[in-house]
């Protein structure tokens, strides 16, 4: 195989470098956006603190608002997005950020208006579709939420939080098999996602099946999962199964799991067997 020429090697070497002169505003802005999207928030904050890169003032303000939103500093993010929208009312990125912040601040009407405007201009915004799905879930508009989740998941297949939310929507509709499928998908992407684990337990118990707690090594976590299963059984009207789950939770972690003790007492009071 012929060796590459020195000129080719030199060109390849130059291609891997990023001299300060080439660190354009557009390149830098995209890099900060990727850091925020990847939840590398300390990196994004450090990048925005740099003074050696010139960046458009509107872009910097939008990135700061997006960083605040990612940090769950929702009120501050909302205020910044609102101020920016007065100057750039047609920017779908600002509409999306303002809508998500409003949703978290329990302002559903404002959130819905902002998010609808966002997806109308930028139908490829998975986060906006996911937030719209949550709004429709809360309003019991199941067909709309299903459409929004389908669009969001098609755009962002590898987001365990999005899959978990879609599963919760299925739980609310008592579609337990569909819910379990979505929670399993979330766990394939993030096996340590405790929220998805707990929700999967609830879906399985609600469907009349016993979740597999035996693989859980940590006794406190296993007790928490058993307690959640007991609560799900209680909601499903199966007092006997609920009592068994609560009792098993106490047995697994007798010194740290007082919640199951209280739940077991409540079940006993319901069936008249309380002491």
C-alpha atoms as a PDB file:
ATOM      1  CA  UNK A   1       0.000   0.000   0.000  1.00  0.00           C
ATOM      2  CA  UNK A   2       1.603   3.340  -1.049  1.00  0.00           C
ATOM      3  CA  UNK A   3       2.379   5.770   1.710  1.00  0.00           C
ATOM      4  CA  UNK A   4       0.595   9.129   1.703  1.00  0.00           C
ATOM      5  CA  UNK A   5       2.686  12.040   0.571  1.00  0.00           C
ATOM      6  CA  UNK A   6       4.064  14.586   2.999  1.00  0.00           C
ATOM      7  CA  UNK A   7       1.628  17.126   1.556  1.00  0.00           C
ATOM      8  CA  UNK A   8      -1.354  14.850   2.333  1.00  0.00           C
ATOM      9  CA  UNK A   9      -0.058  14.230   5.860  1.00  0.00           C
ATOM     10  CA  UNK A  10       0.391  17.936   6.376  1.00  0.00           C
ATOM     11  CA  UNK A  11      -3.132  18.653   5.148  1.00  0.00           C
ATOM     12  CA  UNK A  12      -4.570  15.959   7.409  1.00  0.00           C
ATOM     13  CA  UNK A  13      -2.681  17.381  10.347  1.00  0.00           C
ATOM     14  CA  UNK A  14      -3.997  20.864   9.680  1.00  0.00           C
ATOM     15  CA  UNK A  15      -7.547  19.568   9.413  1.00  0.00           C
ATOM     16  CA  UNK A  16      -7.461  18.346  13.032  1.00  0.00           C
ATOM     17  CA  UNK A  17      -6.446  21.703  14.425  1.00  0.00           C
ATOM     18  CA  UNK A  18      -8.791  24.549  15.327  1.00  0.00           C
ATOM     19  CA  UNK A  19      -6.768  27.775  15.416  1.00  0.00           C
ATOM     20  CA  UNK A  20      -8.332  30.617  17.371  1.00  0.00           C
ATOM     21  CA  UNK A  21      -8.790  32.555  14.155  1.00  0.00           C
ATOM     22  CA  UNK A  22     -11.073  29.814  12.811  1.00  0.00           C
ATOM     23  CA  UNK A  23     -13.213  29.605  15.954  1.00  0.00           C
ATOM     24  CA  UNK A  24     -16.085  31.505  14.399  1.00  0.00           C
ATOM     25  CA  UNK A  25     -19.199  32.690  16.184  1.00  0.00           C
ATOM     26  CA  UNK A  26     -21.302  30.101  14.320  1.00  0.00           C
ATOM     27  CA  UNK A  27     -18.949  27.231  15.194  1.00  0.00           C
ATOM     28  CA  UNK A  28     -18.732  28.305  18.831  1.00  0.00           C
ATOM     29  CA  UNK A  29     -22.506  28.741  19.196  1.00  0.00           C
ATOM     30  CA  UNK A  30     -23.109  25.238  17.801  1.00  0.00           C
ATOM     31  CA  UNK A  31     -20.534  23.798  20.223  1.00  0.00           C
ATOM     32  CA  UNK A  32     -22.279  25.398  23.217  1.00  0.00           C
ATOM     33  CA  UNK A  33     -25.645  24.115  21.967  1.00  0.00           C
ATOM     34  CA  UNK A  34     -24.235  20.577  21.750  1.00  0.00           C
ATOM     35  CA  UNK A  35     -22.841  20.835  25.289  1.00  0.00           C
ATOM     36  CA  UNK A  36     -26.231  21.916  26.662  1.00  0.00           C
ATOM     37  CA  UNK A  37     -28.075  19.206  24.702  1.00  0.00           C
ATOM     38  CA  UNK A  38     -25.612  16.621  26.009  1.00  0.00           C
ATOM     39  CA  UNK A  39     -26.132  17.825  29.605  1.00  0.00           C
ATOM     40  CA  UNK A  40     -22.494  18.933  29.809  1.00  0.00           C
ATOM     41  CA  UNK A  41     -23.611  22.007  31.677  1.00  0.00           C
ATOM     42  CA  UNK A  42     -20.337  22.902  33.382  1.00  0.00           C
ATOM     43  CA  UNK A  43     -18.640  22.800  29.993  1.00  0.00           C
ATOM     44  CA  UNK A  44     -21.340  25.019  28.461  1.00  0.00           C
ATOM     45  CA  UNK A  45     -21.051  27.492  31.334  1.00  0.00           C
ATOM     46  CA  UNK A  46     -17.258  27.624  30.992  1.00  0.00           C
ATOM     47  CA  UNK A  47     -17.533  28.174  27.247  1.00  0.00           C
ATOM     48  CA  UNK A  48     -19.975  31.051  27.708  1.00  0.00           C
ATOM     49  CA  UNK A  49     -17.538  32.642  30.185  1.00  0.00           C
ATOM     50  CA  UNK A  50     -14.801  32.813  27.541  1.00  0.00           C
ATOM     51  CA  UNK A  51     -13.800  36.297  26.448  1.00  0.00           C
ATOM     52  CA  UNK A  52     -11.527  35.319  23.550  1.00  0.00           C
ATOM     53  CA  UNK A  53     -14.363  34.361  21.191  1.00  0.00           C
ATOM     54  CA  UNK A  54     -16.639  36.956  19.642  1.00  0.00           C
ATOM     55  CA  UNK A  55     -20.262  35.794  19.611  1.00  0.00           C
ATOM     56  CA  UNK A  56     -23.448  37.539  18.533  1.00  0.00           C
ATOM     57  CA  UNK A  57     -25.148  39.162  21.522  1.00  0.00           C
ATOM     58  CA  UNK A  58     -28.573  37.658  20.739  1.00  0.00           C
ATOM     59  CA  UNK A  59     -27.052  34.199  20.416  1.00  0.00           C
ATOM     60  CA  UNK A  60     -25.243  34.566  23.735  1.00  0.00           C
ATOM     61  CA  UNK A  61     -28.443  35.668  25.463  1.00  0.00           C
ATOM     62  CA  UNK A  62     -30.365  32.717  23.984  1.00  0.00           C
ATOM     63  CA  UNK A  63     -27.654  30.261  25.028  1.00  0.00           C
ATOM     64  CA  UNK A  64     -27.650  31.627  28.580  1.00  0.00           C
ATOM     65  CA  UNK A  65     -31.439  31.200  28.719  1.00  0.00           C
ATOM     66  CA  UNK A  66     -31.101  27.638  27.395  1.00  0.00           C
ATOM     67  CA  UNK A  67     -28.431  26.877  29.987  1.00  0.00           C
ATOM     68  CA  UNK A  68     -30.658  28.188  32.781  1.00  0.00           C
ATOM     69  CA  UNK A  69     -33.474  25.958  31.517  1.00  0.00           C
ATOM     70  CA  UNK A  70     -31.162  22.916  31.454  1.00  0.00           C
ATOM     71  CA  UNK A  71     -30.146  23.755  35.038  1.00  0.00           C
ATOM     72  CA  UNK A  72     -33.866  23.837  35.979  1.00  0.00           C
ATOM     73  CA  UNK A  73     -33.615  27.495  36.946  1.00  0.00           C
ATOM     74  CA  UNK A  74     -36.986  27.847  35.297  1.00  0.00           C
ATOM     75  CA  UNK A  75     -38.103  31.284  36.486  1.00  0.00           C
ATOM     76  CA  UNK A  76     -34.847  32.915  35.410  1.00  0.00           C
ATOM     77  CA  UNK A  77     -34.963  31.057  32.091  1.00  0.00           C
ATOM     78  CA  UNK A  78     -38.569  32.111  31.501  1.00  0.00           C
ATOM     79  CA  UNK A  79     -37.772  35.772  32.114  1.00  0.00           C
ATOM     80  CA  UNK A  80     -34.852  35.692  29.673  1.00  0.00           C
ATOM     81  CA  UNK A  81     -36.814  33.881  26.959  1.00  0.00           C
ATOM     82  CA  UNK A  82     -39.719  36.331  27.341  1.00  0.00           C
ATOM     83  CA  UNK A  83     -37.392  39.307  26.984  1.00  0.00           C
ATOM     84  CA  UNK A  84     -35.764  37.812  23.892  1.00  0.00           C
ATOM     85  CA  UNK A  85     -39.135  37.047  22.300  1.00  0.00           C
ATOM     86  CA  UNK A  86     -40.022  40.748  22.413  1.00  0.00           C
ATOM     87  CA  UNK A  87     -37.080  41.328  20.081  1.00  0.00           C
ATOM     88  CA  UNK A  88     -37.380  38.116  18.019  1.00  0.00           C
ATOM     89  CA  UNK A  89     -41.018  36.949  18.209  1.00  0.00           C
ATOM     90  CA  UNK A  90     -40.639  34.537  15.303  1.00  0.00           C
ATOM     91  CA  UNK A  91     -37.685  32.553  16.685  1.00  0.00           C
ATOM     92  CA  UNK A  92     -38.985  29.010  17.287  1.00  0.00           C
ATOM     93  CA  UNK A  93     -36.040  28.195  19.567  1.00  0.00           C
ATOM     94  CA  UNK A  94     -37.130  30.962  21.915  1.00  0.00           C
ATOM     95  CA  UNK A  95     -40.778  29.862  21.683  1.00  0.00           C
ATOM     96  CA  UNK A  96     -39.750  26.314  22.585  1.00  0.00           C
ATOM     97  CA  UNK A  97     -37.615  27.351  25.557  1.00  0.00           C
ATOM     98  CA  UNK A  98     -40.291  29.743  26.842  1.00  0.00           C
ATOM     99  CA  UNK A  99     -42.931  27.023  26.472  1.00  0.00           C
ATOM    100  CA  UNK A 100     -40.946  24.404  28.381  1.00  0.00           C
ATOM    101  CA  UNK A 101     -40.188  26.902  31.150  1.00  0.00           C
ATOM    102  CA  UNK A 102     -43.887  27.832  31.370  1.00  0.00           C
ATOM    103  CA  UNK A 103     -44.845  24.152  31.600  1.00  0.00           C
ATOM    104  CA  UNK A 104     -42.469  23.627  34.521  1.00  0.00           C
ATOM    105  CA  UNK A 105     -43.825  26.773  36.181  1.00  0.00           C
ATOM    106  CA  UNK A 106     -47.370  25.354  35.940  1.00  0.00           C
ATOM    107  CA  UNK A 107     -48.557  27.806  33.291  1.00  0.00           C
ATOM    108  CA  UNK A 108     -50.182  25.344  30.861  1.00  0.00           C
ATOM    109  CA  UNK A 109     -52.038  27.843  28.667  1.00  0.00           C
ATOM    110  CA  UNK A 110     -48.934  29.963  28.074  1.00  0.00           C
ATOM    111  CA  UNK A 111     -46.849  26.832  27.576  1.00  0.00           C
ATOM    112  CA  UNK A 112     -49.225  25.349  25.023  1.00  0.00           C
ATOM    113  CA  UNK A 113     -49.394  28.562  22.979  1.00  0.00           C
ATOM    114  CA  UNK A 114     -45.607  28.886  22.927  1.00  0.00           C
ATOM    115  CA  UNK A 115     -45.004  25.235  22.075  1.00  0.00           C
ATOM    116  CA  UNK A 116     -47.598  25.182  19.294  1.00  0.00           C
ATOM    117  CA  UNK A 117     -45.888  28.217  17.782  1.00  0.00           C
ATOM    118  CA  UNK A 118     -42.529  26.461  18.110  1.00  0.00           C
ATOM    119  CA  UNK A 119     -43.504  23.245  16.316  1.00  0.00           C
ATOM    120  CA  UNK A 120     -45.407  25.175  13.638  1.00  0.00           C
ATOM    121  CA  UNK A 121     -42.146  26.874  12.624  1.00  0.00           C
ATOM    122  CA  UNK A 122     -39.717  24.108  13.631  1.00  0.00           C
ATOM    123  CA  UNK A 123     -41.443  20.708  13.369  1.00  0.00           C
ATOM    124  CA  UNK A 124     -38.121  18.990  14.064  1.00  0.00           C
ATOM    125  CA  UNK A 125     -37.988  20.175  17.694  1.00  0.00           C
ATOM    126  CA  UNK A 126     -38.318  16.940  19.685  1.00  0.00           C
ATOM    127  CA  UNK A 127     -38.259  18.709  23.065  1.00  0.00           C
ATOM    128  CA  UNK A 128     -41.167  20.954  22.088  1.00  0.00           C
ATOM    129  CA  UNK A 129     -43.216  17.951  20.912  1.00  0.00           C
ATOM    130  CA  UNK A 130     -42.407  16.092  24.144  1.00  0.00           C
ATOM    131  CA  UNK A 131     -43.515  19.051  26.253  1.00  0.00           C
ATOM    132  CA  UNK A 132     -46.728  19.365  24.219  1.00  0.00           C
ATOM    133  CA  UNK A 133     -47.387  15.681  24.874  1.00  0.00           C
ATOM    134  CA  UNK A 134     -47.126  16.260  28.636  1.00  0.00           C
ATOM    135  CA  UNK A 135     -49.568  19.190  28.416  1.00  0.00           C
ATOM    136  CA  UNK A 136     -52.061  17.031  26.536  1.00  0.00           C
ATOM    137  CA  UNK A 137     -51.592  14.222  29.075  1.00  0.00           C
ATOM    138  CA  UNK A 138     -52.487  16.565  31.912  1.00  0.00           C
ATOM    139  CA  UNK A 139     -55.601  17.663  30.033  1.00  0.00           C
ATOM    140  CA  UNK A 140     -56.583  14.049  29.242  1.00  0.00           C
ATOM    141  CA  UNK A 141     -56.359  14.683  25.500  1.00  0.00           C
ATOM    142  CA  UNK A 142     -54.969  11.241  24.760  1.00  0.00           C
ATOM    143  CA  UNK A 143     -55.078  11.325  20.958  1.00  0.00           C
ATOM    144  CA  UNK A 144     -53.183  14.601  20.864  1.00  0.00           C
ATOM    145  CA  UNK A 145     -50.627  13.372  23.381  1.00  0.00           C
ATOM    146  CA  UNK A 146     -50.107  10.160  21.383  1.00  0.00           C
ATOM    147  CA  UNK A 147     -49.465  12.199  18.236  1.00  0.00           C
ATOM    148  CA  UNK A 148     -47.033  14.483  20.042  1.00  0.00           C
ATOM    149  CA  UNK A 149     -45.160  11.569  21.632  1.00  0.00           C
ATOM    150  CA  UNK A 150     -44.920   9.796  18.273  1.00  0.00           C
ATOM    151  CA  UNK A 151     -43.378  12.888  16.672  1.00  0.00           C
ATOM    152  CA  UNK A 152     -40.988  13.437  19.585  1.00  0.00           C
ATOM    153  CA  UNK A 153     -39.808   9.804  19.716  1.00  0.00           C
ATOM    154  CA  UNK A 154     -39.343   9.670  15.933  1.00  0.00           C
ATOM    155  CA  UNK A 155     -37.002  12.647  16.266  1.00  0.00           C
ATOM    156  CA  UNK A 156     -35.259  11.540  19.461  1.00  0.00           C
ATOM    157  CA  UNK A 157     -35.384   7.736  19.689  1.00  0.00           C
ATOM    158  CA  UNK A 158     -32.611   7.429  22.275  1.00  0.00           C
ATOM    159  CA  UNK A 159     -34.044   9.651  25.020  1.00  0.00           C
ATOM    160  CA  UNK A 160     -34.961   7.533  28.081  1.00  0.00           C
ATOM    161  CA  UNK A 161     -36.759  10.441  29.786  1.00  0.00           C
ATOM    162  CA  UNK A 162     -39.011  10.892  26.765  1.00  0.00           C
ATOM    163  CA  UNK A 163     -39.776   7.167  26.616  1.00  0.00           C
ATOM    164  CA  UNK A 164     -40.510   7.158  30.344  1.00  0.00           C
ATOM    165  CA  UNK A 165     -42.970  10.044  29.952  1.00  0.00           C
ATOM    166  CA  UNK A 166     -44.699   8.234  27.094  1.00  0.00           C
ATOM    167  CA  UNK A 167     -44.955   5.184  29.348  1.00  0.00           C
ATOM    168  CA  UNK A 168     -46.513   7.233  32.137  1.00  0.00           C
ATOM    169  CA  UNK A 169     -49.096   8.415  29.609  1.00  0.00           C
ATOM    170  CA  UNK A 170     -49.932   4.779  28.848  1.00  0.00           C
ATOM    171  CA  UNK A 171     -50.207   4.052  32.590  1.00  0.00           C
ATOM    172  CA  UNK A 172     -52.711   6.875  32.985  1.00  0.00           C
ATOM    173  CA  UNK A 173     -54.783   5.303  30.218  1.00  0.00           C
ATOM    174  CA  UNK A 174     -54.516   1.848  31.844  1.00  0.00           C
ATOM    175  CA  UNK A 175     -52.676   0.538  28.794  1.00  0.00           C
ATOM    176  CA  UNK A 176     -50.292  -1.427  30.962  1.00  0.00           C
ATOM    177  CA  UNK A 177     -48.652  -3.597  28.284  1.00  0.00           C
ATOM    178  CA  UNK A 178     -47.842  -0.525  26.176  1.00  0.00           C
ATOM    179  CA  UNK A 179     -46.541   1.248  29.262  1.00  0.00           C
ATOM    180  CA  UNK A 180     -44.284  -1.670  30.182  1.00  0.00           C
ATOM    181  CA  UNK A 181     -42.886  -1.800  26.646  1.00  0.00           C
ATOM    182  CA  UNK A 182     -41.912   1.874  26.774  1.00  0.00           C
ATOM    183  CA  UNK A 183     -40.352   1.571  30.235  1.00  0.00           C
ATOM    184  CA  UNK A 184     -38.292  -1.405  29.025  1.00  0.00           C
ATOM    185  CA  UNK A 185     -37.110   0.646  26.054  1.00  0.00           C
ATOM    186  CA  UNK A 186     -36.037   3.410  28.436  1.00  0.00           C
ATOM    187  CA  UNK A 187     -34.154   0.907  30.590  1.00  0.00           C
ATOM    188  CA  UNK A 188     -32.336  -0.545  27.589  1.00  0.00           C
ATOM    189  CA  UNK A 189     -30.931   2.932  27.000  1.00  0.00           C
ATOM    190  CA  UNK A 190     -30.359   3.717  30.679  1.00  0.00           C
ATOM    191  CA  UNK A 191     -30.316   0.567  32.863  1.00  0.00           C
ATOM    192  CA  UNK A 192     -29.797   2.618  36.041  1.00  0.00           C
ATOM    193  CA  UNK A 193     -32.873   4.795  35.487  1.00  0.00           C
ATOM    194  CA  UNK A 194     -34.661   4.242  38.789  1.00  0.00           C
ATOM    195  CA  UNK A 195     -37.758   6.150  37.730  1.00  0.00           C
ATOM    196  CA  UNK A 196     -38.265   3.864  34.743  1.00  0.00           C
ATOM    197  CA  UNK A 197     -37.647   0.810  36.968  1.00  0.00           C
ATOM    198  CA  UNK A 198     -40.290   1.930  39.447  1.00  0.00           C
ATOM    199  CA  UNK A 199     -42.757   2.709  36.687  1.00  0.00           C
ATOM    200  CA  UNK A 200     -42.155  -0.675  35.065  1.00  0.00           C
ATOM    201  CA  UNK A 201     -42.931  -2.313  38.410  1.00  0.00           C
ATOM    202  CA  UNK A 202     -46.201  -0.380  38.625  1.00  0.00           C
ATOM    203  CA  UNK A 203     -47.160  -1.302  35.044  1.00  0.00           C
ATOM    204  CA  UNK A 204     -46.477  -4.988  35.649  1.00  0.00           C
ATOM    205  CA  UNK A 205     -48.340  -5.113  38.960  1.00  0.00           C
ATOM    206  CA  UNK A 206     -51.265  -3.231  37.431  1.00  0.00           C
ATOM    207  CA  UNK A 207     -51.383  -5.881  34.700  1.00  0.00           C
ATOM    208  CA  UNK A 208     -51.501  -8.614  37.354  1.00  0.00           C
ATOM    209  CA  UNK A 209     -47.887  -9.779  37.059  1.00  0.00           C
ATOM    210  CA  UNK A 210     -45.137  -9.817  39.660  1.00  0.00           C
ATOM    211  CA  UNK A 211     -42.072  -7.728  38.760  1.00  0.00           C
ATOM    212  CA  UNK A 212     -38.637  -9.364  38.987  1.00  0.00           C
ATOM    213  CA  UNK A 213     -37.150  -7.902  42.156  1.00  0.00           C
ATOM    214  CA  UNK A 214     -34.737 -10.766  42.689  1.00  0.00           C
ATOM    215  CA  UNK A 215     -31.998  -9.202  40.556  1.00  0.00           C
ATOM    216  CA  UNK A 216     -31.982  -6.050  42.704  1.00  0.00           C
ATOM    217  CA  UNK A 217     -28.849  -6.148  44.846  1.00  0.00           C
ATOM    218  CA  UNK A 218     -29.390  -3.105  47.050  1.00  0.00           C
ATOM    219  CA  UNK A 219     -31.835  -3.970  49.834  1.00  0.00           C
ATOM    220  CA  UNK A 220     -33.154  -0.423  50.251  1.00  0.00           C
ATOM    221  CA  UNK A 221     -33.794  -0.010  46.529  1.00  0.00           C
ATOM    222  CA  UNK A 222     -35.493  -3.409  46.406  1.00  0.00           C
ATOM    223  CA  UNK A 223     -37.666  -2.420  49.378  1.00  0.00           C
ATOM    224  CA  UNK A 224     -38.629   0.811  47.616  1.00  0.00           C
ATOM    225  CA  UNK A 225     -39.596  -1.125  44.499  1.00  0.00           C
ATOM    226  CA  UNK A 226     -41.631  -3.584  46.560  1.00  0.00           C
ATOM    227  CA  UNK A 227     -43.409  -0.695  48.279  1.00  0.00           C
ATOM    228  CA  UNK A 228     -44.215   0.873  44.895  1.00  0.00           C
ATOM    229  CA  UNK A 229     -45.544  -2.467  43.710  1.00  0.00           C
ATOM    230  CA  UNK A 230     -47.709  -2.688  46.805  1.00  0.00           C
ATOM    231  CA  UNK A 231     -49.104   0.764  46.169  1.00  0.00           C
ATOM    232  CA  UNK A 232     -49.871  -0.158  42.546  1.00  0.00           C
ATOM    233  CA  UNK A 233     -51.657  -3.314  43.708  1.00  0.00           C
ATOM    234  CA  UNK A 234     -53.644  -1.241  46.195  1.00  0.00           C
ATOM    235  CA  UNK A 235     -54.768   1.133  43.444  1.00  0.00           C
ATOM    236  CA  UNK A 236     -55.728  -1.872  41.323  1.00  0.00           C
ATOM    237  CA  UNK A 237     -57.954  -3.124  44.157  1.00  0.00           C
ATOM    238  CA  UNK A 238     -55.835  -6.171  45.030  1.00  0.00           C
ATOM    239  CA  UNK A 239     -55.472  -5.675  48.796  1.00  0.00           C
ATOM    240  CA  UNK A 240     -53.991  -9.138  49.332  1.00  0.00           C
ATOM    241  CA  UNK A 241     -51.160  -8.602  46.836  1.00  0.00           C
ATOM    242  CA  UNK A 242     -50.586  -5.103  48.244  1.00  0.00           C
ATOM    243  CA  UNK A 243     -50.183  -6.475  51.778  1.00  0.00           C
ATOM    244  CA  UNK A 244     -47.765  -9.140  50.531  1.00  0.00           C
ATOM    245  CA  UNK A 245     -45.602  -6.579  48.734  1.00  0.00           C
ATOM    246  CA  UNK A 246     -45.548  -4.232  51.742  1.00  0.00           C
ATOM    247  CA  UNK A 247     -44.660  -7.088  54.089  1.00  0.00           C
ATOM    248  CA  UNK A 248     -41.866  -8.210  51.769  1.00  0.00           C
ATOM    249  CA  UNK A 249     -40.506  -4.646  51.640  1.00  0.00           C
ATOM    250  CA  UNK A 250     -40.353  -4.563  55.449  1.00  0.00           C
ATOM    251  CA  UNK A 251     -38.645  -7.939  55.526  1.00  0.00           C
ATOM    252  CA  UNK A 252     -36.004  -6.809  53.026  1.00  0.00           C
ATOM    253  CA  UNK A 253     -35.187  -3.601  54.857  1.00  0.00           C
ATOM    254  CA  UNK A 254     -36.702  -3.697  58.355  1.00  0.00           C
ATOM    255  CA  UNK A 255     -34.671  -0.824  59.793  1.00  0.00           C
ATOM    256  CA  UNK A 256     -34.952   1.787  57.037  1.00  0.00           C
ATOM    257  CA  UNK A 257     -38.312   1.315  55.352  1.00  0.00           C
ATOM    258  CA  UNK A 258     -40.989   2.791  57.567  1.00  0.00           C
ATOM    259  CA  UNK A 259     -43.191   3.766  54.589  1.00  0.00           C
ATOM    260  CA  UNK A 260     -44.084   0.143  53.916  1.00  0.00           C
ATOM    261  CA  UNK A 261     -44.995  -0.281  57.605  1.00  0.00           C
ATOM    262  CA  UNK A 262     -47.483   2.575  57.332  1.00  0.00           C
ATOM    263  CA  UNK A 263     -48.904   1.253  54.061  1.00  0.00           C
ATOM    264  CA  UNK A 264     -49.301  -2.240  55.520  1.00  0.00           C
ATOM    265  CA  UNK A 265     -51.168  -0.785  58.510  1.00  0.00           C
ATOM    266  CA  UNK A 266     -53.483   1.075  56.127  1.00  0.00           C
ATOM    267  CA  UNK A 267     -54.258  -2.126  54.209  1.00  0.00           C
ATOM    268  CA  UNK A 268     -54.977  -3.924  57.453  1.00  0.00           C
ATOM    269  CA  UNK A 269     -57.338  -1.137  58.484  1.00  0.00           C
ATOM    270  CA  UNK A 270     -59.157  -1.400  55.175  1.00  0.00           C
ATOM    271  CA  UNK A 271     -59.937  -5.091  55.583  1.00  0.00           C
ATOM    272  CA  UNK A 272     -60.688  -4.812  59.300  1.00  0.00           C
ATOM    273  CA  UNK A 273     -57.706  -6.856  60.482  1.00  0.00           C
ATOM    274  CA  UNK A 274     -55.945  -4.002  62.249  1.00  0.00           C
ATOM    275  CA  UNK A 275     -55.093  -4.704  65.894  1.00  0.00           C
END
